[in-house]
Amino acid sequence: MKWVYKYDENFIYLPGEEIQVREDAEIPEFFTEIKPPDGLYLAKLDLEKGIWFESATKEYIDSLKPPPPQPSELDKLKKQVSDLMFKLLTGGVIK
């Protein structure tokens, strides 16, 4: 048995759609024996070269990243205390 990897009509890899076929079986349409490498966000198959490549734009990849965490109330209070201490030490008067 061997694994084959599915792609759509635009040659985009469809994760989770892999199947196993017999070694001597014909590979179904929209499947390939070429395993996509790990680390691609939107793998696309180049059938002529026999490779997968990254087709995702930087904007698409950035949209997948979670936003930075918001500071907690404790973090906000620590910052306020720090700012006040700095002002007191550098001038003594808060304007």
N, C-alpha and C. Protein backbone atom coordinates (compact mmCIF):
# COMPACT_ATOMS: atom_id res chain seq x y z
N MET A 1 0.85 -1.18 0.00
CA MET A 1 0.00 0.00 0.00
C MET A 1 0.89 1.25 0.00
N LYS A 2 0.38 2.28 -0.64
CA LYS A 2 1.10 3.56 -0.66
C LYS A 2 0.09 4.69 -0.47
N TRP A 3 0.59 5.78 0.06
CA TRP A 3 -0.24 6.95 0.25
C TRP A 3 -0.24 7.80 -1.01
N VAL A 4 -1.41 8.37 -1.32
CA VAL A 4 -1.51 9.36 -2.40
C VAL A 4 -2.21 10.59 -1.82
N TYR A 5 -1.85 11.75 -2.36
CA TYR A 5 -2.24 13.03 -1.78
C TYR A 5 -3.13 13.79 -2.75
N LYS A 6 -4.26 14.27 -2.24
CA LYS A 6 -5.27 14.90 -3.09
C LYS A 6 -5.02 16.40 -3.25
N TYR A 7 -5.34 16.88 -4.45
CA TYR A 7 -5.30 18.31 -4.75
C TYR A 7 -6.55 18.67 -5.54
N ASP A 8 -6.89 19.96 -5.54
CA ASP A 8 -8.09 20.39 -6.26
C ASP A 8 -7.77 20.76 -7.71
N GLU A 9 -8.75 21.31 -8.40
CA GLU A 9 -8.57 21.65 -9.82
C GLU A 9 -7.54 22.75 -10.03
N ASN A 10 -7.20 23.47 -8.96
CA ASN A 10 -6.16 24.51 -9.03
C ASN A 10 -4.82 24.00 -8.52
N PHE A 11 -4.73 22.70 -8.28
CA PHE A 11 -3.52 22.02 -7.80
C PHE A 11 -3.16 22.38 -6.36
N ILE A 12 -4.14 22.85 -5.60
CA ILE A 12 -3.94 23.16 -4.18
C ILE A 12 -4.16 21.89 -3.37
N TYR A 13 -3.21 21.59 -2.49
CA TYR A 13 -3.27 20.40 -1.63
C TYR A 13 -4.49 20.47 -0.70
N LEU A 14 -5.16 19.33 -0.55
CA LEU A 14 -6.31 19.23 0.34
C LEU A 14 -5.94 18.35 1.53
N PRO A 15 -5.45 18.96 2.61
CA PRO A 15 -5.01 18.17 3.77
C PRO A 15 -6.16 17.34 4.34
N GLY A 16 -5.82 16.14 4.78
CA GLY A 16 -6.81 15.25 5.36
C GLY A 16 -7.53 14.39 4.34
N GLU A 17 -7.26 14.60 3.06
CA GLU A 17 -7.92 13.85 1.99
C GLU A 17 -7.03 12.74 1.44
N GLU A 18 -5.91 12.45 2.11
CA GLU A 18 -5.00 11.41 1.65
C GLU A 18 -5.70 10.05 1.73
N ILE A 19 -5.32 9.17 0.81
CA ILE A 19 -5.84 7.80 0.85
C ILE A 19 -4.70 6.83 0.57
N GLN A 20 -4.92 5.59 0.91
CA GLN A 20 -3.96 4.54 0.59
C GLN A 20 -4.50 3.73 -0.57
N VAL A 21 -3.60 3.41 -1.50
CA VAL A 21 -3.96 2.55 -2.63
C VAL A 21 -2.93 1.43 -2.72
N ARG A 22 -3.30 0.37 -3.40
CA ARG A 22 -2.35 -0.73 -3.60
C ARG A 22 -1.18 -0.24 -4.44
N GLU A 23 -0.04 -0.86 -4.26
CA GLU A 23 1.17 -0.48 -5.00
C GLU A 23 0.96 -0.52 -6.51
N ASP A 24 0.18 -1.49 -6.97
CA ASP A 24 -0.01 -1.66 -8.42
C ASP A 24 -1.27 -0.96 -8.93
N ALA A 25 -1.97 -0.24 -8.06
CA ALA A 25 -3.21 0.42 -8.46
C ALA A 25 -2.92 1.70 -9.23
N GLU A 26 -3.85 2.04 -10.10
CA GLU A 26 -3.75 3.30 -10.84
C GLU A 26 -4.07 4.44 -9.87
N ILE A 27 -3.33 5.51 -9.97
CA ILE A 27 -3.55 6.66 -9.08
C ILE A 27 -4.80 7.40 -9.55
N PRO A 28 -5.75 7.64 -8.64
CA PRO A 28 -6.99 8.33 -9.03
C PRO A 28 -6.72 9.76 -9.50
N GLU A 29 -7.68 10.28 -10.26
CA GLU A 29 -7.58 11.66 -10.73
C GLU A 29 -7.54 12.61 -9.53
N PHE A 30 -6.77 13.68 -9.65
CA PHE A 30 -6.56 14.69 -8.61
C PHE A 30 -5.83 14.14 -7.38
N PHE A 31 -5.02 13.12 -7.58
CA PHE A 31 -4.15 12.57 -6.54
C PHE A 31 -2.75 12.45 -7.09
N THR A 32 -1.76 12.47 -6.20
CA THR A 32 -0.37 12.29 -6.59
C THR A 32 0.36 11.51 -5.51
N GLU A 33 1.43 10.83 -5.91
CA GLU A 33 2.28 10.12 -4.95
C GLU A 33 3.26 11.07 -4.25
N ILE A 34 3.42 12.27 -4.79
CA ILE A 34 4.38 13.23 -4.26
C ILE A 34 3.84 13.81 -2.96
N LYS A 35 4.55 13.55 -1.87
CA LYS A 35 4.11 14.02 -0.55
C LYS A 35 4.45 15.50 -0.40
N PRO A 36 3.46 16.32 0.02
CA PRO A 36 3.75 17.73 0.27
C PRO A 36 4.68 17.87 1.47
N PRO A 37 5.67 18.75 1.40
CA PRO A 37 6.56 18.94 2.55
C PRO A 37 5.84 19.66 3.69
N ASP A 38 6.31 19.42 4.89
CA ASP A 38 5.77 20.13 6.06
C ASP A 38 6.14 21.60 5.97
N GLY A 39 5.32 22.45 6.58
CA GLY A 39 5.66 23.86 6.70
C GLY A 39 5.07 24.76 5.64
N LEU A 40 4.35 24.21 4.67
CA LEU A 40 3.71 25.05 3.67
C LEU A 40 2.31 25.43 4.15
N TYR A 41 1.95 26.69 4.02
CA TYR A 41 0.63 27.14 4.44
C TYR A 41 -0.43 26.78 3.40
N LEU A 42 -0.10 26.93 2.13
CA LEU A 42 -1.03 26.66 1.05
C LEU A 42 -0.25 25.99 -0.08
N ALA A 43 -0.02 24.69 0.09
CA ALA A 43 0.81 23.95 -0.86
C ALA A 43 0.12 23.83 -2.22
N LYS A 44 0.90 24.08 -3.26
CA LYS A 44 0.40 23.96 -4.63
C LYS A 44 1.36 23.06 -5.40
N LEU A 45 0.78 22.18 -6.21
CA LEU A 45 1.56 21.19 -6.94
C LEU A 45 1.94 21.70 -8.33
N ASP A 46 3.21 21.57 -8.66
CA ASP A 46 3.69 21.81 -10.02
C ASP A 46 3.91 20.43 -10.62
N LEU A 47 2.95 19.98 -11.42
CA LEU A 47 3.02 18.62 -11.97
C LEU A 47 4.22 18.44 -12.89
N GLU A 48 4.56 19.47 -13.66
CA GLU A 48 5.69 19.35 -14.59
C GLU A 48 7.01 19.14 -13.86
N LYS A 49 7.21 19.87 -12.76
CA LYS A 49 8.45 19.75 -12.00
C LYS A 49 8.38 18.66 -10.94
N GLY A 50 7.16 18.22 -10.62
CA GLY A 50 6.99 17.19 -9.61
C GLY A 50 7.29 17.66 -8.20
N ILE A 51 6.94 18.93 -7.91
CA ILE A 51 7.20 19.48 -6.57
C ILE A 51 5.99 20.26 -6.07
N TRP A 52 5.92 20.38 -4.75
CA TRP A 52 4.95 21.26 -4.11
C TRP A 52 5.68 22.56 -3.77
N PHE A 53 4.97 23.68 -3.86
CA PHE A 53 5.58 24.96 -3.49
C PHE A 53 4.56 25.80 -2.72
N GLU A 54 5.06 26.83 -2.04
CA GLU A 54 4.19 27.72 -1.27
C GLU A 54 3.46 28.66 -2.21
N SER A 55 2.13 28.67 -2.14
CA SER A 55 1.36 29.58 -2.99
C SER A 55 0.66 30.66 -2.17
N ALA A 56 0.79 30.61 -0.85
CA ALA A 56 0.14 31.60 0.01
C ALA A 56 0.89 32.93 -0.05
N THR A 57 0.13 34.00 -0.05
CA THR A 57 0.73 35.33 0.00
C THR A 57 1.13 35.65 1.44
N LYS A 58 1.97 36.66 1.60
CA LYS A 58 2.37 37.09 2.94
C LYS A 58 1.15 37.55 3.72
N GLU A 59 0.22 38.23 3.05
CA GLU A 59 -0.99 38.71 3.71
C GLU A 59 -1.81 37.54 4.24
N TYR A 60 -1.93 36.48 3.44
CA TYR A 60 -2.69 35.29 3.86
C TYR A 60 -2.02 34.65 5.08
N ILE A 61 -0.71 34.48 5.02
CA ILE A 61 0.02 33.86 6.13
C ILE A 61 -0.12 34.71 7.39
N ASP A 62 0.01 36.04 7.25
CA ASP A 62 -0.14 36.93 8.41
C ASP A 62 -1.54 36.85 9.00
N SER A 63 -2.55 36.64 8.15
CA SER A 63 -3.93 36.57 8.64
C SER A 63 -4.17 35.33 9.49
N LEU A 64 -3.33 34.32 9.36
CA LEU A 64 -3.48 33.09 10.13
C LEU A 64 -2.87 33.20 11.52
N LYS A 65 -2.00 34.17 11.72
CA LYS A 65 -1.34 34.33 13.01
C LYS A 65 -2.29 35.01 13.99
N PRO A 66 -2.31 34.54 15.24
CA PRO A 66 -3.21 35.17 16.21
C PRO A 66 -2.72 36.57 16.56
N PRO A 67 -3.65 37.45 16.92
CA PRO A 67 -3.24 38.81 17.30
C PRO A 67 -2.44 38.75 18.60
N PRO A 68 -1.60 39.76 18.82
CA PRO A 68 -0.83 39.77 20.07
C PRO A 68 -1.78 39.84 21.26
N PRO A 69 -1.42 39.22 22.37
CA PRO A 69 -2.32 39.23 23.53
C PRO A 69 -2.44 40.63 24.12
N GLN A 70 -3.62 40.93 24.62
CA GLN A 70 -3.86 42.21 25.27
C GLN A 70 -3.27 42.15 26.68
N PRO A 71 -2.71 43.26 27.16
CA PRO A 71 -2.15 43.24 28.52
C PRO A 71 -3.26 43.03 29.56
N SER A 72 -2.93 42.28 30.60
CA SER A 72 -3.89 42.05 31.68
C SER A 72 -4.04 43.32 32.52
N GLU A 73 -5.05 43.33 33.38
CA GLU A 73 -5.23 44.48 34.27
C GLU A 73 -4.00 44.68 35.16
N LEU A 74 -3.43 43.57 35.62
CA LEU A 74 -2.23 43.65 36.45
C LEU A 74 -1.07 44.27 35.67
N ASP A 75 -0.90 43.86 34.41
CA ASP A 75 0.16 44.43 33.58
C ASP A 75 -0.04 45.93 33.38
N LYS A 76 -1.29 46.35 33.20
CA LYS A 76 -1.59 47.77 33.03
C LYS A 76 -1.24 48.56 34.30
N LEU A 77 -1.59 48.00 35.45
CA LEU A 77 -1.28 48.66 36.72
C LEU A 77 0.22 48.74 36.95
N LYS A 78 0.94 47.67 36.62
CA LYS A 78 2.40 47.68 36.75
C LYS A 78 3.01 48.78 35.89
N LYS A 79 2.50 48.95 34.69
CA LYS A 79 3.01 49.98 33.78
C LYS A 79 2.72 51.37 34.35
N GLN A 80 1.52 51.56 34.88
CA GLN A 80 1.18 52.86 35.47
C GLN A 80 2.10 53.19 36.64
N VAL A 81 2.33 52.22 37.52
CA VAL A 81 3.21 52.43 38.66
C VAL A 81 4.62 52.76 38.17
N SER A 82 5.08 52.02 37.19
CA SER A 82 6.42 52.25 36.64
C SER A 82 6.53 53.65 36.05
N ASP A 83 5.51 54.07 35.29
CA ASP A 83 5.52 55.40 34.69
C ASP A 83 5.52 56.49 35.78
N LEU A 84 4.72 56.28 36.82
CA LEU A 84 4.68 57.26 37.92
C LEU A 84 6.02 57.35 38.63
N MET A 85 6.63 56.20 38.89
CA MET A 85 7.95 56.19 39.55
C MET A 85 8.98 56.92 38.70
N PHE A 86 8.94 56.70 37.41
CA PHE A 86 9.88 57.36 36.50
C PHE A 86 9.70 58.87 36.55
N LYS A 87 8.45 59.32 36.50
CA LYS A 87 8.18 60.76 36.54
C LYS A 87 8.64 61.38 37.86
N LEU A 88 8.39 60.66 38.96
CA LEU A 88 8.81 61.18 40.26
C LEU A 88 10.32 61.26 40.37
N LEU A 89 11.01 60.27 39.85
CA LEU A 89 12.47 60.23 39.94
C LEU A 89 13.14 61.23 39.01
N THR A 90 12.50 61.58 37.91
CA THR A 90 13.14 62.47 36.94
C THR A 90 12.70 63.92 37.07
N GLY A 91 11.64 64.18 37.79
CA GLY A 91 11.21 65.57 37.88
C GLY A 91 10.44 65.87 39.13
N GLY A 92 9.86 64.90 39.69
CA GLY A 92 9.13 65.08 40.93
C GLY A 92 7.72 65.60 40.78
N VAL A 93 7.41 66.22 39.66
CA VAL A 93 6.08 66.78 39.48
C VAL A 93 5.46 66.17 38.24
N ILE A 94 4.25 65.74 38.39
CA ILE A 94 3.54 65.19 37.23
C ILE A 94 2.70 66.32 36.65
N LYS A 95 2.95 66.62 35.41
CA LYS A 95 2.23 67.72 34.76
C LYS A 95 1.14 67.17 33.90
